Each structure stands twice: as structure tokens, then as C-alpha cells.
N, C-alpha and C. Protein backbone atom coordinates (compact mmCIF):
# COMPACT_ATOMS: atom_id res chain seq x y z
N MET A 1 0.84 -1.21 0.00
CA MET A 1 0.00 0.00 0.00
C MET A 1 0.87 1.24 0.00
N THR A 2 0.48 2.24 -0.77
CA THR A 2 1.19 3.51 -0.77
C THR A 2 0.24 4.64 -0.38
N ILE A 3 0.78 5.63 0.32
CA ILE A 3 0.03 6.84 0.65
C ILE A 3 0.89 8.01 0.22
N ASP A 4 0.34 8.83 -0.68
CA ASP A 4 1.07 9.99 -1.17
C ASP A 4 2.45 9.57 -1.71
N GLY A 5 2.46 8.44 -2.40
CA GLY A 5 3.69 7.97 -3.03
C GLY A 5 4.63 7.22 -2.11
N LYS A 6 4.27 7.05 -0.83
CA LYS A 6 5.13 6.35 0.12
C LYS A 6 4.73 4.87 0.20
N GLU A 7 5.72 4.00 0.03
CA GLU A 7 5.49 2.56 0.15
C GLU A 7 5.61 2.17 1.61
N ILE A 8 4.54 1.66 2.17
CA ILE A 8 4.50 1.37 3.61
C ILE A 8 5.07 -0.02 3.89
N SER A 9 5.90 -0.12 4.92
CA SER A 9 6.52 -1.40 5.29
C SER A 9 5.82 -1.98 6.51
N TYR A 10 4.96 -2.96 6.26
CA TYR A 10 4.31 -3.67 7.36
C TYR A 10 5.23 -4.78 7.86
N ASP A 11 5.01 -5.22 9.11
CA ASP A 11 5.82 -6.31 9.64
C ASP A 11 5.32 -7.65 9.11
N GLN A 12 5.89 -8.74 9.62
CA GLN A 12 5.55 -10.08 9.12
C GLN A 12 4.10 -10.45 9.38
N ASN A 13 3.46 -9.73 10.31
CA ASN A 13 2.04 -9.97 10.60
C ASN A 13 1.12 -8.99 9.89
N GLY A 14 1.71 -8.18 9.02
CA GLY A 14 0.91 -7.22 8.27
C GLY A 14 0.51 -6.01 9.09
N LEU A 15 1.30 -5.70 10.12
CA LEU A 15 0.97 -4.58 11.01
C LEU A 15 2.05 -3.50 10.99
N ILE A 16 1.64 -2.31 11.39
CA ILE A 16 2.57 -1.20 11.52
C ILE A 16 2.22 -0.45 12.81
N PRO A 17 3.23 -0.14 13.67
CA PRO A 17 2.93 0.60 14.89
C PRO A 17 2.50 2.03 14.58
N ALA A 18 1.49 2.51 15.30
CA ALA A 18 0.96 3.84 15.09
C ALA A 18 1.06 4.65 16.38
N ILE A 19 1.81 5.74 16.32
CA ILE A 19 1.94 6.65 17.45
C ILE A 19 0.88 7.73 17.29
N ILE A 20 0.06 7.91 18.31
CA ILE A 20 -1.01 8.91 18.26
C ILE A 20 -0.61 10.11 19.10
N GLN A 21 -0.62 11.28 18.49
CA GLN A 21 -0.12 12.50 19.13
C GLN A 21 -1.18 13.60 19.06
N ASP A 22 -1.31 14.35 20.15
CA ASP A 22 -2.20 15.50 20.16
C ASP A 22 -1.62 16.57 19.24
N GLU A 23 -2.40 16.96 18.24
CA GLU A 23 -1.90 17.92 17.25
C GLU A 23 -1.55 19.26 17.89
N LYS A 24 -2.33 19.70 18.88
CA LYS A 24 -2.14 21.03 19.46
C LYS A 24 -0.96 21.08 20.42
N THR A 25 -0.88 20.10 21.32
CA THR A 25 0.10 20.15 22.40
C THR A 25 1.37 19.36 22.12
N GLY A 26 1.31 18.42 21.16
CA GLY A 26 2.46 17.57 20.90
C GLY A 26 2.55 16.38 21.84
N GLU A 27 1.60 16.26 22.77
CA GLU A 27 1.63 15.16 23.74
C GLU A 27 1.33 13.83 23.05
N VAL A 28 2.14 12.80 23.37
CA VAL A 28 1.89 11.46 22.84
C VAL A 28 0.76 10.84 23.64
N LEU A 29 -0.29 10.42 22.96
CA LEU A 29 -1.49 9.93 23.63
C LEU A 29 -1.51 8.41 23.78
N MET A 30 -1.05 7.69 22.77
CA MET A 30 -1.12 6.23 22.82
C MET A 30 -0.28 5.62 21.70
N LEU A 31 -0.04 4.33 21.82
CA LEU A 31 0.59 3.55 20.77
C LEU A 31 -0.32 2.37 20.47
N ALA A 32 -0.64 2.17 19.20
CA ALA A 32 -1.48 1.04 18.80
C ALA A 32 -0.92 0.50 17.48
N TYR A 33 -1.65 -0.45 16.90
CA TYR A 33 -1.20 -1.04 15.64
C TYR A 33 -2.28 -0.91 14.58
N MET A 34 -1.82 -0.74 13.36
CA MET A 34 -2.72 -0.68 12.21
C MET A 34 -2.32 -1.74 11.21
N ASN A 35 -3.32 -2.25 10.48
CA ASN A 35 -3.02 -3.06 9.30
C ASN A 35 -3.47 -2.26 8.09
N LYS A 36 -3.38 -2.84 6.92
CA LYS A 36 -3.71 -2.11 5.69
C LYS A 36 -5.13 -1.58 5.73
N GLU A 37 -6.07 -2.40 6.18
CA GLU A 37 -7.47 -1.99 6.17
C GLU A 37 -7.74 -0.87 7.16
N SER A 38 -7.18 -0.98 8.38
CA SER A 38 -7.45 0.05 9.38
C SER A 38 -6.81 1.38 8.99
N LEU A 39 -5.65 1.31 8.34
CA LEU A 39 -5.00 2.54 7.88
C LEU A 39 -5.83 3.19 6.78
N GLU A 40 -6.35 2.37 5.87
CA GLU A 40 -7.20 2.89 4.81
C GLU A 40 -8.45 3.55 5.39
N LYS A 41 -9.06 2.91 6.41
CA LYS A 41 -10.27 3.47 7.03
C LYS A 41 -9.94 4.75 7.79
N THR A 42 -8.74 4.81 8.36
CA THR A 42 -8.32 6.03 9.06
C THR A 42 -8.21 7.19 8.08
N VAL A 43 -7.62 6.93 6.92
CA VAL A 43 -7.49 7.96 5.89
C VAL A 43 -8.86 8.35 5.35
N GLU A 44 -9.71 7.35 5.12
CA GLU A 44 -11.03 7.58 4.52
C GLU A 44 -11.97 8.34 5.45
N THR A 45 -12.01 7.94 6.73
CA THR A 45 -12.97 8.54 7.68
C THR A 45 -12.42 9.72 8.44
N LYS A 46 -11.09 9.90 8.38
CA LYS A 46 -10.40 10.95 9.14
C LYS A 46 -10.62 10.79 10.64
N GLU A 47 -10.80 9.54 11.06
CA GLU A 47 -10.83 9.15 12.47
C GLU A 47 -9.96 7.90 12.61
N THR A 48 -9.39 7.69 13.82
CA THR A 48 -8.44 6.58 13.97
C THR A 48 -9.14 5.22 14.05
N TRP A 49 -8.59 4.30 13.29
CA TRP A 49 -8.97 2.88 13.32
C TRP A 49 -7.70 2.08 13.56
N PHE A 50 -7.82 1.02 14.37
CA PHE A 50 -6.66 0.20 14.70
C PHE A 50 -6.98 -1.27 14.50
N TYR A 51 -5.93 -2.08 14.64
CA TYR A 51 -6.11 -3.53 14.61
C TYR A 51 -5.73 -4.10 15.96
N SER A 52 -6.67 -4.81 16.59
CA SER A 52 -6.43 -5.42 17.89
C SER A 52 -5.71 -6.75 17.71
N ARG A 53 -4.50 -6.85 18.26
CA ARG A 53 -3.75 -8.10 18.15
C ARG A 53 -4.34 -9.19 19.04
N SER A 54 -4.99 -8.80 20.13
CA SER A 54 -5.57 -9.80 21.03
C SER A 54 -6.91 -10.33 20.50
N ARG A 55 -7.72 -9.43 19.94
CA ARG A 55 -9.04 -9.85 19.43
C ARG A 55 -9.00 -10.21 17.95
N GLN A 56 -7.89 -9.88 17.30
CA GLN A 56 -7.74 -10.18 15.88
C GLN A 56 -8.85 -9.53 15.05
N GLU A 57 -9.09 -8.25 15.32
CA GLU A 57 -10.14 -7.55 14.58
C GLU A 57 -9.87 -6.04 14.58
N LEU A 58 -10.54 -5.34 13.67
CA LEU A 58 -10.43 -3.89 13.62
C LEU A 58 -11.21 -3.26 14.78
N TRP A 59 -10.74 -2.11 15.23
CA TRP A 59 -11.55 -1.35 16.19
C TRP A 59 -11.43 0.14 15.92
N HIS A 60 -12.56 0.79 16.07
CA HIS A 60 -12.68 2.23 15.81
C HIS A 60 -12.57 2.95 17.14
N LYS A 61 -11.54 3.76 17.31
CA LYS A 61 -11.33 4.47 18.57
C LYS A 61 -12.52 5.37 18.88
N GLY A 62 -13.14 5.15 20.05
CA GLY A 62 -14.25 5.98 20.49
C GLY A 62 -15.61 5.47 20.06
N ALA A 63 -15.66 4.33 19.39
CA ALA A 63 -16.94 3.81 18.91
C ALA A 63 -17.91 3.56 20.06
N THR A 64 -17.40 3.08 21.19
CA THR A 64 -18.26 2.83 22.35
C THR A 64 -18.13 3.91 23.41
N SER A 65 -16.94 4.44 23.60
CA SER A 65 -16.70 5.43 24.66
C SER A 65 -17.05 6.85 24.23
N GLY A 66 -17.04 7.09 22.93
CA GLY A 66 -17.25 8.45 22.44
C GLY A 66 -15.97 9.26 22.36
N ASN A 67 -14.86 8.68 22.83
CA ASN A 67 -13.58 9.38 22.84
C ASN A 67 -12.87 9.23 21.49
N ARG A 68 -13.50 9.77 20.47
CA ARG A 68 -12.96 9.65 19.12
C ARG A 68 -11.72 10.52 18.94
N GLN A 69 -10.98 10.26 17.89
CA GLN A 69 -9.78 11.03 17.55
C GLN A 69 -9.90 11.50 16.10
N LEU A 70 -10.00 12.81 15.92
CA LEU A 70 -10.13 13.37 14.58
C LEU A 70 -8.74 13.56 13.98
N VAL A 71 -8.50 12.91 12.88
CA VAL A 71 -7.16 12.90 12.27
C VAL A 71 -6.89 14.22 11.54
N LYS A 72 -5.74 14.82 11.86
CA LYS A 72 -5.33 16.06 11.23
C LYS A 72 -4.12 15.88 10.31
N ARG A 73 -3.29 14.89 10.60
CA ARG A 73 -2.08 14.68 9.79
C ARG A 73 -1.57 13.26 10.00
N ILE A 74 -1.09 12.66 8.93
CA ILE A 74 -0.48 11.32 9.00
C ILE A 74 0.91 11.41 8.38
N SER A 75 1.91 10.95 9.14
CA SER A 75 3.30 10.97 8.67
C SER A 75 3.93 9.61 8.90
N PHE A 76 5.02 9.35 8.18
CA PHE A 76 5.77 8.11 8.36
C PHE A 76 7.23 8.43 8.67
N ASP A 77 7.89 7.50 9.34
CA ASP A 77 9.30 7.70 9.62
C ASP A 77 10.10 7.42 8.35
N CYS A 78 11.43 7.56 8.46
CA CYS A 78 12.28 7.46 7.28
C CYS A 78 12.23 6.09 6.60
N ASP A 79 11.91 5.04 7.38
CA ASP A 79 11.84 3.69 6.80
C ASP A 79 10.42 3.29 6.43
N GLN A 80 9.48 4.18 6.65
CA GLN A 80 8.05 3.91 6.39
C GLN A 80 7.54 2.67 7.13
N ASP A 81 8.11 2.40 8.33
CA ASP A 81 7.63 1.25 9.10
C ASP A 81 7.02 1.66 10.44
N THR A 82 6.79 2.95 10.62
CA THR A 82 6.09 3.48 11.78
C THR A 82 5.28 4.68 11.32
N VAL A 83 4.03 4.77 11.79
CA VAL A 83 3.18 5.87 11.37
C VAL A 83 2.91 6.79 12.57
N LEU A 84 2.94 8.08 12.32
CA LEU A 84 2.62 9.09 13.32
C LEU A 84 1.31 9.73 12.90
N VAL A 85 0.30 9.64 13.79
CA VAL A 85 -1.01 10.20 13.50
C VAL A 85 -1.29 11.34 14.48
N GLN A 86 -1.36 12.55 13.96
CA GLN A 86 -1.65 13.71 14.80
C GLN A 86 -3.15 13.97 14.77
N VAL A 87 -3.73 14.09 15.95
CA VAL A 87 -5.19 14.11 16.06
C VAL A 87 -5.68 15.23 16.96
N GLU A 88 -6.97 15.50 16.84
CA GLU A 88 -7.69 16.31 17.82
C GLU A 88 -8.50 15.34 18.66
N PRO A 89 -8.12 15.10 19.92
CA PRO A 89 -8.82 14.11 20.73
C PRO A 89 -10.17 14.64 21.23
N MET A 90 -11.19 13.81 21.15
CA MET A 90 -12.52 14.16 21.64
C MET A 90 -12.75 13.68 23.07
N GLY A 91 -11.68 13.23 23.72
CA GLY A 91 -11.76 12.72 25.08
C GLY A 91 -10.48 12.00 25.43
N PRO A 92 -10.43 11.35 26.60
CA PRO A 92 -9.23 10.63 27.01
C PRO A 92 -8.83 9.55 26.01
N ALA A 93 -7.53 9.34 25.85
CA ALA A 93 -7.05 8.30 24.95
C ALA A 93 -6.98 6.95 25.64
N CYS A 94 -6.72 6.95 26.96
CA CYS A 94 -6.50 5.71 27.70
C CYS A 94 -7.81 5.11 28.23
N HIS A 95 -7.87 3.78 28.25
CA HIS A 95 -9.06 3.10 28.76
C HIS A 95 -9.26 3.33 30.26
N THR A 96 -8.20 3.83 30.94
CA THR A 96 -8.31 4.12 32.37
C THR A 96 -9.01 5.46 32.63
N GLY A 97 -9.22 6.22 31.55
CA GLY A 97 -9.81 7.54 31.70
C GLY A 97 -8.78 8.65 31.72
N LYS A 98 -7.50 8.28 31.68
CA LYS A 98 -6.43 9.27 31.62
C LYS A 98 -6.36 9.87 30.21
N ARG A 99 -5.89 11.10 30.15
CA ARG A 99 -5.78 11.78 28.86
C ARG A 99 -4.83 11.04 27.92
N THR A 100 -3.73 10.52 28.48
CA THR A 100 -2.75 9.78 27.70
C THR A 100 -2.48 8.44 28.35
N CYS A 101 -2.09 7.48 27.54
CA CYS A 101 -1.72 6.16 28.08
C CYS A 101 -0.35 6.24 28.78
N PHE A 102 0.42 7.28 28.48
CA PHE A 102 1.77 7.40 29.04
C PHE A 102 1.76 8.32 30.26
N TYR A 103 1.07 7.88 31.31
CA TYR A 103 0.98 8.69 32.53
C TYR A 103 1.86 8.16 33.66
N GLU A 104 2.48 7.00 33.47
CA GLU A 104 3.40 6.46 34.46
C GLU A 104 4.82 6.93 34.15
N THR A 105 5.43 7.69 35.05
CA THR A 105 6.75 8.26 34.80
C THR A 105 7.85 7.40 35.43
N ALA A 106 8.80 6.97 34.62
CA ALA A 106 9.92 6.18 35.11
C ALA A 106 11.13 7.05 35.44
N PHE A 107 11.28 8.13 34.68
CA PHE A 107 12.39 9.06 34.90
C PHE A 107 11.96 10.43 34.43
N GLU A 108 12.32 11.45 35.21
CA GLU A 108 11.96 12.81 34.83
C GLU A 108 13.00 13.78 35.38
N GLU A 109 13.74 14.39 34.48
CA GLU A 109 14.74 15.37 34.90
C GLU A 109 14.06 16.68 35.29
N HIS A 110 13.01 17.03 34.55
CA HIS A 110 12.22 18.21 34.88
C HIS A 110 10.84 18.05 34.26
N THR A 111 9.89 18.80 34.77
CA THR A 111 8.52 18.70 34.27
C THR A 111 8.44 19.31 32.87
N PRO A 112 7.92 18.57 31.88
CA PRO A 112 7.82 19.12 30.52
C PRO A 112 6.85 20.29 30.48
N ILE A 113 7.20 21.32 29.69
CA ILE A 113 6.36 22.52 29.64
C ILE A 113 5.86 22.82 28.23
N ARG A 114 5.99 21.84 27.31
CA ARG A 114 5.65 22.11 25.92
C ARG A 114 4.18 22.46 25.72
N SER A 115 3.30 21.99 26.61
CA SER A 115 1.87 22.24 26.44
C SER A 115 1.34 23.26 27.43
N ILE A 116 2.23 24.03 28.08
CA ILE A 116 1.82 24.92 29.16
C ILE A 116 0.82 25.98 28.70
N VAL A 117 0.99 26.51 27.49
CA VAL A 117 0.05 27.53 27.01
C VAL A 117 -1.36 26.97 26.92
N HIS A 118 -1.48 25.75 26.40
CA HIS A 118 -2.79 25.13 26.29
C HIS A 118 -3.36 24.80 27.68
N GLU A 119 -2.49 24.44 28.61
CA GLU A 119 -2.96 24.17 29.97
C GLU A 119 -3.49 25.45 30.61
N VAL A 120 -2.79 26.56 30.40
CA VAL A 120 -3.26 27.85 30.94
C VAL A 120 -4.59 28.23 30.31
N VAL A 121 -4.72 28.02 29.00
CA VAL A 121 -5.97 28.32 28.32
C VAL A 121 -7.12 27.52 28.91
N GLU A 122 -6.88 26.23 29.17
CA GLU A 122 -7.94 25.40 29.76
C GLU A 122 -8.32 25.89 31.15
N GLU A 123 -7.35 26.33 31.94
CA GLU A 123 -7.63 26.86 33.26
C GLU A 123 -8.44 28.15 33.16
N ILE A 124 -8.10 29.00 32.20
CA ILE A 124 -8.85 30.24 31.98
C ILE A 124 -10.29 29.93 31.59
N LYS A 125 -10.48 28.98 30.68
CA LYS A 125 -11.82 28.57 30.29
C LYS A 125 -12.62 28.06 31.49
N ASP A 126 -11.94 27.28 32.34
CA ASP A 126 -12.61 26.71 33.51
C ASP A 126 -13.04 27.81 34.48
N ARG A 127 -12.20 28.82 34.66
CA ARG A 127 -12.56 29.92 35.55
C ARG A 127 -13.73 30.72 34.99
N ARG A 128 -13.81 30.79 33.68
CA ARG A 128 -14.94 31.49 33.07
C ARG A 128 -16.24 30.72 33.28
N ASP A 129 -16.16 29.41 33.10
CA ASP A 129 -17.36 28.57 33.23
C ASP A 129 -17.70 28.25 34.68
N ASN A 130 -16.65 28.21 35.52
CA ASN A 130 -16.84 27.85 36.94
C ASN A 130 -16.11 28.87 37.82
N PRO A 131 -16.71 30.04 38.00
CA PRO A 131 -16.06 31.10 38.79
C PRO A 131 -15.73 30.64 40.21
N ILE A 132 -14.57 31.07 40.69
CA ILE A 132 -14.14 30.75 42.05
C ILE A 132 -13.84 32.05 42.79
N GLU A 133 -14.47 32.22 43.92
CA GLU A 133 -14.26 33.43 44.71
C GLU A 133 -12.79 33.53 45.12
N GLY A 134 -12.22 34.71 44.93
CA GLY A 134 -10.82 34.92 45.28
C GLY A 134 -9.87 34.65 44.14
N SER A 135 -10.36 34.07 43.04
CA SER A 135 -9.51 33.79 41.88
C SER A 135 -9.29 35.07 41.08
N TYR A 136 -8.04 35.35 40.73
CA TYR A 136 -7.72 36.55 39.96
C TYR A 136 -8.35 36.48 38.56
N THR A 137 -8.34 35.28 37.97
CA THR A 137 -8.94 35.12 36.64
C THR A 137 -10.44 35.39 36.70
N THR A 138 -11.10 34.87 37.72
CA THR A 138 -12.53 35.14 37.90
C THR A 138 -12.77 36.64 38.05
N TYR A 139 -11.90 37.31 38.80
CA TYR A 139 -11.99 38.76 39.00
C TYR A 139 -11.93 39.49 37.65
N LEU A 140 -11.01 39.08 36.78
CA LEU A 140 -10.87 39.72 35.48
C LEU A 140 -12.13 39.54 34.64
N PHE A 141 -12.70 38.34 34.67
CA PHE A 141 -13.93 38.11 33.91
C PHE A 141 -15.08 38.95 34.47
N ASN A 142 -15.12 39.10 35.76
CA ASN A 142 -16.17 39.92 36.38
C ASN A 142 -16.02 41.40 36.02
N GLU A 143 -14.77 41.86 35.92
CA GLU A 143 -14.51 43.26 35.62
C GLU A 143 -14.76 43.59 34.14
N GLY A 144 -14.52 42.62 33.28
CA GLY A 144 -14.81 42.82 31.86
C GLY A 144 -13.61 43.19 31.01
N VAL A 145 -13.90 43.39 29.71
CA VAL A 145 -12.86 43.60 28.71
C VAL A 145 -12.01 44.83 29.00
N ASP A 146 -12.64 45.93 29.41
CA ASP A 146 -11.88 47.16 29.63
C ASP A 146 -10.78 46.98 30.67
N LYS A 147 -11.07 46.23 31.72
CA LYS A 147 -10.07 45.97 32.76
C LYS A 147 -8.91 45.17 32.18
N VAL A 148 -9.22 44.16 31.38
CA VAL A 148 -8.18 43.31 30.80
C VAL A 148 -7.35 44.11 29.79
N LEU A 149 -8.00 44.96 29.02
CA LEU A 149 -7.28 45.80 28.07
C LEU A 149 -6.30 46.72 28.81
N LYS A 150 -6.73 47.24 29.94
CA LYS A 150 -5.84 48.08 30.73
C LYS A 150 -4.62 47.30 31.20
N LYS A 151 -4.86 46.04 31.65
CA LYS A 151 -3.76 45.20 32.12
C LYS A 151 -2.81 44.85 30.96
N VAL A 152 -3.37 44.57 29.78
CA VAL A 152 -2.53 44.28 28.62
C VAL A 152 -1.64 45.48 28.29
N GLY A 153 -2.22 46.68 28.37
CA GLY A 153 -1.44 47.88 28.12
C GLY A 153 -0.34 48.07 29.15
N GLU A 154 -0.67 47.85 30.43
CA GLU A 154 0.32 47.99 31.50
C GLU A 154 1.45 46.99 31.33
N GLU A 155 1.09 45.74 31.05
CA GLU A 155 2.12 44.70 30.92
C GLU A 155 2.98 44.92 29.68
N SER A 156 2.39 45.46 28.62
CA SER A 156 3.17 45.77 27.41
C SER A 156 4.24 46.81 27.73
N THR A 157 3.85 47.81 28.52
CA THR A 157 4.82 48.84 28.92
C THR A 157 5.92 48.25 29.78
N GLU A 158 5.55 47.34 30.69
CA GLU A 158 6.54 46.69 31.54
C GLU A 158 7.51 45.85 30.71
N VAL A 159 7.01 45.23 29.64
CA VAL A 159 7.88 44.46 28.74
C VAL A 159 8.90 45.40 28.09
N VAL A 160 8.45 46.55 27.65
CA VAL A 160 9.36 47.52 27.03
C VAL A 160 10.44 47.96 28.03
N ILE A 161 10.02 48.24 29.27
CA ILE A 161 10.98 48.68 30.29
C ILE A 161 11.99 47.58 30.58
N GLY A 162 11.50 46.33 30.72
CA GLY A 162 12.40 45.21 30.98
C GLY A 162 13.41 45.03 29.87
N ALA A 163 12.96 45.22 28.63
CA ALA A 163 13.85 45.07 27.49
C ALA A 163 14.89 46.19 27.45
N LYS A 164 14.43 47.42 27.75
CA LYS A 164 15.35 48.56 27.76
C LYS A 164 16.41 48.41 28.85
N ASN A 165 16.01 47.76 29.96
CA ASN A 165 16.94 47.54 31.07
C ASN A 165 17.91 46.40 30.81
N ARG A 166 17.67 45.65 29.71
CA ARG A 166 18.50 44.47 29.39
C ARG A 166 18.51 43.48 30.56
N ASP A 167 17.36 43.40 31.25
CA ASP A 167 17.23 42.52 32.41
C ASP A 167 16.42 41.29 31.99
N LYS A 168 17.11 40.17 31.79
CA LYS A 168 16.45 38.98 31.28
C LYS A 168 15.37 38.48 32.22
N GLU A 169 15.65 38.43 33.53
CA GLU A 169 14.67 37.93 34.49
C GLU A 169 13.43 38.82 34.51
N GLU A 170 13.66 40.13 34.56
CA GLU A 170 12.53 41.07 34.56
C GLU A 170 11.72 40.94 33.28
N LEU A 171 12.41 40.88 32.15
CA LEU A 171 11.73 40.77 30.85
C LEU A 171 10.94 39.48 30.74
N THR A 172 11.54 38.39 31.20
CA THR A 172 10.86 37.09 31.13
C THR A 172 9.58 37.10 31.96
N ASN A 173 9.63 37.64 33.17
CA ASN A 173 8.45 37.72 34.03
C ASN A 173 7.36 38.60 33.41
N GLU A 174 7.77 39.74 32.84
CA GLU A 174 6.78 40.64 32.25
C GLU A 174 6.16 40.03 30.99
N LEU A 175 6.96 39.29 30.22
CA LEU A 175 6.42 38.60 29.05
C LEU A 175 5.39 37.54 29.47
N ALA A 176 5.68 36.85 30.57
CA ALA A 176 4.74 35.85 31.08
C ALA A 176 3.43 36.53 31.50
N ASP A 177 3.53 37.68 32.19
CA ASP A 177 2.33 38.41 32.60
C ASP A 177 1.53 38.89 31.39
N LEU A 178 2.24 39.40 30.39
CA LEU A 178 1.56 39.86 29.18
C LEU A 178 0.88 38.70 28.46
N THR A 179 1.56 37.57 28.39
CA THR A 179 0.98 36.39 27.74
C THR A 179 -0.29 35.96 28.44
N TYR A 180 -0.26 35.89 29.77
CA TYR A 180 -1.44 35.47 30.53
C TYR A 180 -2.62 36.40 30.28
N HIS A 181 -2.40 37.70 30.40
CA HIS A 181 -3.52 38.64 30.22
C HIS A 181 -4.01 38.64 28.77
N THR A 182 -3.10 38.40 27.82
CA THR A 182 -3.51 38.29 26.43
C THR A 182 -4.39 37.07 26.22
N LEU A 183 -4.05 35.98 26.87
CA LEU A 183 -4.87 34.76 26.76
C LEU A 183 -6.25 34.96 27.36
N VAL A 184 -6.33 35.70 28.46
CA VAL A 184 -7.64 36.01 29.05
C VAL A 184 -8.45 36.85 28.07
N LEU A 185 -7.82 37.86 27.48
CA LEU A 185 -8.50 38.70 26.50
C LEU A 185 -8.99 37.87 25.31
N MET A 186 -8.15 36.96 24.84
CA MET A 186 -8.53 36.10 23.72
C MET A 186 -9.76 35.27 24.07
N GLU A 187 -9.79 34.73 25.27
CA GLU A 187 -10.95 33.93 25.69
C GLU A 187 -12.21 34.79 25.76
N MET A 188 -12.07 36.01 26.24
CA MET A 188 -13.22 36.92 26.32
C MET A 188 -13.80 37.23 24.94
N LEU A 189 -12.91 37.35 23.95
CA LEU A 189 -13.34 37.76 22.61
C LEU A 189 -13.37 36.61 21.62
N ASP A 190 -13.32 35.37 22.15
CA ASP A 190 -13.47 34.17 21.33
C ASP A 190 -12.40 34.06 20.24
N VAL A 191 -11.16 34.35 20.61
CA VAL A 191 -10.02 34.14 19.72
C VAL A 191 -9.20 33.01 20.32
N SER A 192 -8.95 31.96 19.54
CA SER A 192 -8.22 30.80 20.07
C SER A 192 -6.74 30.86 19.72
N VAL A 193 -5.95 30.08 20.43
CA VAL A 193 -4.53 29.95 20.12
C VAL A 193 -4.37 29.43 18.70
N GLU A 194 -5.26 28.53 18.29
CA GLU A 194 -5.19 27.97 16.94
C GLU A 194 -5.46 29.04 15.89
N ASP A 195 -6.32 30.01 16.20
CA ASP A 195 -6.57 31.12 15.27
C ASP A 195 -5.27 31.90 15.03
N VAL A 196 -4.56 32.17 16.12
CA VAL A 196 -3.31 32.93 16.02
C VAL A 196 -2.25 32.12 15.28
N LYS A 197 -2.16 30.82 15.61
CA LYS A 197 -1.20 29.95 14.92
C LYS A 197 -1.46 29.95 13.42
N GLY A 198 -2.75 29.94 13.05
CA GLY A 198 -3.11 29.93 11.63
C GLY A 198 -2.59 31.16 10.90
N ILE A 199 -2.72 32.33 11.55
CA ILE A 199 -2.22 33.57 10.94
C ILE A 199 -0.71 33.53 10.81
N LEU A 200 -0.03 33.05 11.88
CA LEU A 200 1.43 32.96 11.83
C LEU A 200 1.88 32.01 10.73
N ARG A 201 1.14 30.92 10.57
CA ARG A 201 1.49 29.95 9.53
C ARG A 201 1.36 30.59 8.15
N GLU A 202 0.30 31.37 7.96
CA GLU A 202 0.09 32.04 6.67
C GLU A 202 1.19 33.06 6.38
N ARG A 203 1.73 33.66 7.44
CA ARG A 203 2.73 34.71 7.26
C ARG A 203 4.14 34.19 7.09
N ARG A 204 4.32 32.89 7.31
CA ARG A 204 5.68 32.34 7.15
C ARG A 204 6.13 32.48 5.71
N PRO A 205 7.40 32.83 5.52
CA PRO A 205 7.92 32.92 4.15
C PRO A 205 7.80 31.56 3.46
N LYS A 206 7.37 31.59 2.22
CA LYS A 206 7.26 30.35 1.45
C LYS A 206 8.66 29.92 1.02
N LYS A 207 8.92 28.63 1.17
CA LYS A 207 10.22 28.11 0.75
C LYS A 207 10.29 28.08 -0.77
N GLU A 208 11.35 28.66 -1.27
CA GLU A 208 11.53 28.66 -2.72
C GLU A 208 12.12 27.35 -3.17
N VAL A 209 11.56 26.83 -4.24
CA VAL A 209 12.08 25.59 -4.81
C VAL A 209 13.09 25.95 -5.89
N LEU A 210 14.32 25.51 -5.67
CA LEU A 210 15.38 25.82 -6.64
C LEU A 210 15.37 24.79 -7.76
N ARG A 211 15.42 25.25 -8.94
CA ARG A 211 15.42 24.35 -10.11
C ARG A 211 16.65 24.65 -10.97
N ASP A 212 17.19 23.59 -11.52
CA ASP A 212 18.29 23.78 -12.46
C ASP A 212 17.74 24.25 -13.79
N GLU A 213 18.33 25.30 -14.28
CA GLU A 213 17.87 25.83 -15.58
C GLU A 213 18.54 25.03 -16.70
């Protein structure tokens, strides 16, 4: 089987390991196996399908639990014997109810922060939907857009001052404050991180293809 001109290398049992990754955060959600049919159904339906080695049958992720995975991108490694499927998860990936199957940590030098922006966004959304007395985020939502705009202006000025002072610690803290208040403003006005990413992606310089004349 080929996809976009790539010849896929299945193992002796006709299977290929599939790594499932959250498209937004980069978090690895699970590892499963696909055969030719399940991979074809994944491409066709734009939802993940796998092959169960224990039951010897296809299974559609979320068919019973509702925790479907909407496929956004499919890639292969250099040998075309492992597939990476980037998805938008509609719920936990693990049968235990955990967001990811990889929740048991064997070694950790430091806590990963690659998804911190999305975690902050989720906390902001939660404070909007579930106000908590004494919460600063709840206070901002209660005060409204004008208050948040004032804070964004103040923090922007502090960023300028930190930069002029050539003080990395000060600048880093002020950038964090500006980012937080900007995220609150975005939530108030229904602008998502993905909306901003989309604009940045459009603005990236297009790679020129060099051709021999």
C-alpha cells in the first residue's frame, strides 16, 4: 500500500505501529497497531482505526466510549515502518480515563512545559465557566474587557521597560504576565490559540524551490 507515493513497510504480521499524538500540544497519547485496512479506514474517515492483536479484529477508537480522535495529519518515519497520526482528541485516549496512556513516569529530569500555554488556556476557560471566589482570573472576567485591556497595556509597557533595562529575568516575568492577560483577552473575545497559529502559519515565508535551468 502507498500513501502519497510512500510505500509502507508492514511487519511479518501485516501490522505497523501507530503513534497517536495531540496535534495542538504535541503530547503522545497512545501507541497502537494498524493493518492495511485500518489505515485505509483512518485515511477515509479521518478518524483513527486500529487492529487489535488480542481480538484479531479492527476497532474504531471511540466507537463505544465516544472518545474519538479526529485525524489532522499522517506521517511516516524514514523507513516507512512506523506511522505518526496527529489528532484532535474528543476525550481521554487511555481506557483508564487518563488523557494519555503514558501517565506512568519512570524518569523525569524536569517537568515538561511544551503544552503549558494550552494548559493555561484550559484553566482560563474553567474559571470562566466555573467562577471561584478569590480567583484573579474570575476577577478579570467579572470586571470585563476594559479591565483586561488596561492590564494588557500595563504589561506591554513593563515588557518595554524590561527590554530597555536588558534585564532577562525582569523581561521574562513581564512577558509571562503579558501572555497570561492576552490569553484572558482572547478567551473573552473568542479568539483561540489555533486562530493565532493559523495567521502565523500564513505569514511564514514560502520556501523557494530551486530548479536547475
